[in-house]
Amino acid sequence: MKKLFVLMIVMVAGLLLLSAIAGCGSTSTTSTTTSTQGDKTAAGNKILSLEEMSDIAPGLGDIMPAMSRRNTILYYAVQSGNWDLAAYQIKELGEGIDVAGITRPARKDPLDNFVKTTLDPLNEVVKAKDMTKFSQAWNTEVSGCNACHVSQGFKYIQWKLPTTVPEDLTLTAVP
């Protein structure tokens, strides 16, 4: 997931660079800019500033639903004995948090704290395949999610485990 967002940002930056280069050295008498609409590419598309790119980058409202799904799969994978799938979900949760810290730097410190205090310990339990310690680590992680929401001004967002097991994945361990 992180790789996809980074690739998307690199591609947009590359397109901006190419559009800027395409405009350099142009001898056309047709202006590619207007005073009211800002810079435009030869095709008439607006050249975005870094601030504008930041405004359209996925925010936590876009990223968190995917994180919620991963958290759900993580829990039910452990309950089904699929520790590898659970470990993968934790890895992807971490990458999603990394992306969130990049696209929303004002949230980076609380996100990093969440990883250090809740996700990393949960990861250790999953790597050890320790079912006896899982419940405590899981409850700490869920409490950490909800405490982070409160600390960031989103007290109305309280995550809870869905009662429906995801049906689109095989959650049992694959031999």
Protein backbone atom coordinates (compact mmCIF):
# COMPACT_ATOMS: atom_id res chain seq x y z
CA MET A 1 0.00 0.00 0.00
CA LYS A 2 2.81 2.39 0.95
CA LYS A 3 4.59 1.56 -2.29
CA LEU A 4 1.44 2.39 -4.27
CA PHE A 5 1.07 5.82 -2.67
CA VAL A 6 4.76 6.61 -3.03
CA LEU A 7 4.63 5.48 -6.67
CA MET A 8 1.58 7.66 -7.22
CA ILE A 9 3.33 10.69 -5.73
CA VAL A 10 6.47 10.03 -7.80
CA MET A 11 4.38 9.66 -10.95
CA VAL A 12 2.56 12.94 -10.31
CA ALA A 13 5.87 14.69 -9.60
CA GLY A 14 7.31 13.22 -12.81
CA LEU A 15 4.34 14.43 -14.80
CA LEU A 16 4.72 17.89 -13.32
CA LEU A 17 8.39 17.91 -14.24
CA LEU A 18 7.67 16.73 -17.77
CA SER A 19 4.99 19.35 -18.23
CA ALA A 20 7.37 22.04 -16.98
CA ILE A 21 10.12 20.82 -19.33
CA ALA A 22 7.66 20.70 -22.22
CA GLY A 23 6.88 24.36 -21.63
CA CYS A 24 10.56 25.40 -21.48
CA GLY A 25 12.04 26.65 -24.69
CA SER A 26 8.66 26.82 -26.37
CA THR A 27 8.54 29.39 -29.10
CA SER A 28 4.80 29.27 -29.43
CA THR A 29 3.09 32.63 -29.36
CA THR A 30 0.12 31.02 -27.65
CA SER A 31 0.39 31.55 -23.94
CA THR A 32 0.15 28.46 -21.75
CA THR A 33 -0.75 30.50 -18.69
CA THR A 34 -3.55 32.76 -17.72
CA SER A 35 -3.56 35.21 -14.88
CA THR A 36 -6.78 33.81 -13.44
CA GLN A 37 -6.17 30.08 -13.86
CA GLY A 38 -2.45 29.71 -13.19
CA ASP A 39 0.00 27.61 -15.17
CA LYS A 40 -1.32 25.13 -17.70
CA THR A 41 0.26 22.35 -19.68
CA ALA A 42 0.21 22.44 -23.48
CA ALA A 43 -2.86 20.21 -23.27
CA GLY A 44 -4.59 22.75 -21.05
CA ASN A 45 -4.25 20.84 -17.80
CA LYS A 46 -3.40 22.81 -14.69
CA ILE A 47 0.10 22.38 -13.31
CA LEU A 48 -0.36 21.62 -9.64
CA SER A 49 1.73 23.11 -6.87
CA LEU A 50 3.08 20.89 -4.11
CA GLU A 51 0.42 22.34 -1.82
CA GLU A 52 -2.31 21.42 -4.28
CA MET A 53 -0.85 17.93 -4.64
CA SER A 54 -0.88 17.61 -0.85
CA ASP A 55 -4.53 18.66 -0.79
CA ILE A 56 -5.50 15.80 -3.13
CA ALA A 57 -3.24 13.17 -1.55
CA PRO A 58 -5.14 10.49 0.34
CA GLY A 59 -5.87 11.61 3.88
CA LEU A 60 -6.57 9.53 6.94
CA GLY A 61 -10.25 9.45 6.02
CA ASP A 62 -9.19 7.54 2.90
CA ILE A 63 -6.52 5.37 4.52
CA MET A 64 -8.24 4.37 7.77
CA PRO A 65 -11.05 2.27 6.23
CA ALA A 66 -8.39 0.05 4.66
CA MET A 67 -6.61 -0.08 8.00
CA SER A 68 -9.85 -1.10 9.70
CA ARG A 69 -10.29 -3.95 7.25
CA ARG A 70 -6.72 -5.12 7.80
CA ASN A 71 -7.28 -5.04 11.56
CA THR A 72 -10.39 -7.17 11.16
CA ILE A 73 -8.58 -9.70 8.97
CA LEU A 74 -5.70 -9.76 11.46
CA TYR A 75 -7.98 -10.71 14.32
CA TYR A 76 -9.90 -13.39 12.48
CA ALA A 77 -6.74 -14.81 10.90
CA VAL A 78 -5.29 -15.37 14.39
CA GLN A 79 -8.54 -16.95 15.55
CA SER A 80 -8.28 -19.32 12.56
CA GLY A 81 -4.62 -20.12 13.24
CA ASN A 82 -3.32 -18.29 10.17
CA TRP A 83 -0.40 -16.49 11.81
CA ASP A 84 1.24 -15.76 8.44
CA LEU A 85 -1.82 -13.83 7.24
CA ALA A 86 -1.95 -12.02 10.58
CA ALA A 87 1.74 -11.06 10.29
CA TYR A 88 1.12 -9.79 6.75
CA GLN A 89 -1.77 -7.63 7.94
CA ILE A 90 0.42 -6.10 10.65
CA LYS A 91 3.12 -5.35 8.07
CA GLU A 92 0.55 -3.67 5.85
CA LEU A 93 -0.92 -1.74 8.79
CA GLY A 94 2.57 -0.40 9.49
CA GLU A 95 3.05 0.60 5.87
CA GLY A 96 -0.33 2.33 5.84
CA ILE A 97 0.66 4.26 8.94
CA ASP A 98 3.94 5.23 7.26
CA VAL A 99 2.01 6.56 4.26
CA ALA A 100 -0.36 8.44 6.56
CA GLY A 101 2.64 10.06 8.25
CA ILE A 102 3.99 11.15 4.86
CA THR A 103 0.73 12.48 3.44
CA ARG A 104 -0.37 14.03 6.73
CA PRO A 105 2.82 15.04 8.57
CA ALA A 106 0.90 16.79 11.35
CA ARG A 107 -0.30 13.32 12.40
CA LYS A 108 3.11 11.59 12.13
CA ASP A 109 4.14 11.74 15.81
CA PRO A 110 0.91 10.24 17.20
CA LEU A 111 0.96 7.59 14.48
CA ASP A 112 4.58 6.70 15.22
CA ASN A 113 3.72 6.52 18.92
CA PHE A 114 0.84 4.16 18.14
CA VAL A 115 3.20 1.87 16.23
CA LYS A 116 5.78 1.87 19.01
CA THR A 117 3.38 1.35 21.90
CA THR A 118 0.76 -0.96 20.39
CA LEU A 119 1.45 -2.29 16.91
CA ASP A 120 5.06 -3.37 17.50
CA PRO A 121 4.18 -5.34 20.67
CA LEU A 122 1.25 -6.97 18.84
CA ASN A 123 3.62 -7.86 16.01
CA GLU A 124 5.96 -9.60 18.47
CA VAL A 125 3.08 -11.68 19.85
CA VAL A 126 1.97 -12.64 16.33
CA LYS A 127 5.53 -13.54 15.29
CA ALA A 128 5.77 -15.76 18.38
CA LYS A 129 2.37 -17.29 17.53
CA ASP A 130 1.43 -16.86 21.16
CA MET A 131 -2.32 -17.23 21.50
CA THR A 132 -2.21 -16.72 25.27
CA LYS A 133 -0.66 -13.26 24.91
CA PHE A 134 -2.67 -12.32 21.82
CA SER A 135 -5.85 -11.22 23.60
CA GLN A 136 -4.02 -8.72 25.81
CA ALA A 137 -1.92 -7.37 22.91
CA TRP A 138 -5.03 -7.17 20.72
CA ASN A 139 -7.05 -5.29 23.35
CA THR A 140 -4.12 -2.90 23.86
CA GLU A 141 -3.97 -2.28 20.11
CA VAL A 142 -7.71 -1.58 19.83
CA SER A 143 -7.58 0.70 22.89
CA GLY A 144 -4.57 2.43 21.32
CA CYS A 145 -6.50 3.04 18.10
CA ASN A 146 -9.39 4.60 19.95
CA ALA A 147 -7.15 6.64 22.28
CA CYS A 148 -5.32 8.01 19.23
CA HIS A 149 -8.63 9.02 17.67
CA VAL A 150 -9.59 10.87 20.86
CA SER A 151 -6.19 12.57 21.16
CA GLN A 152 -6.47 13.82 17.59
CA GLY A 153 -9.94 15.30 18.06
CA PHE A 154 -11.94 12.40 16.61
CA LYS A 155 -13.58 11.03 19.76
CA TYR A 156 -16.61 10.09 17.67
CA ILE A 157 -14.53 7.47 15.82
CA GLN A 158 -14.29 4.41 18.04
CA TRP A 159 -13.20 1.22 16.32
CA LYS A 160 -14.76 -2.09 17.23
CA LEU A 161 -14.31 -5.56 15.81
CA PRO A 162 -17.00 -6.43 13.28
CA THR A 163 -18.97 -9.52 14.28
CA THR A 164 -18.96 -10.74 10.68
CA VAL A 165 -15.92 -12.73 9.63
CA PRO A 166 -14.56 -11.56 6.26
CA GLU A 167 -15.82 -14.03 3.68
CA ASP A 168 -13.62 -13.05 0.76
CA LEU A 169 -10.41 -14.58 2.16
CA THR A 170 -9.43 -18.01 3.35
CA LEU A 171 -8.56 -17.24 6.93
CA THR A 172 -7.36 -20.70 7.92
CA ALA A 173 -3.68 -21.47 7.55
CA VAL A 174 -2.68 -22.65 4.09
CA PRO A 175 -0.37 -25.69 4.20
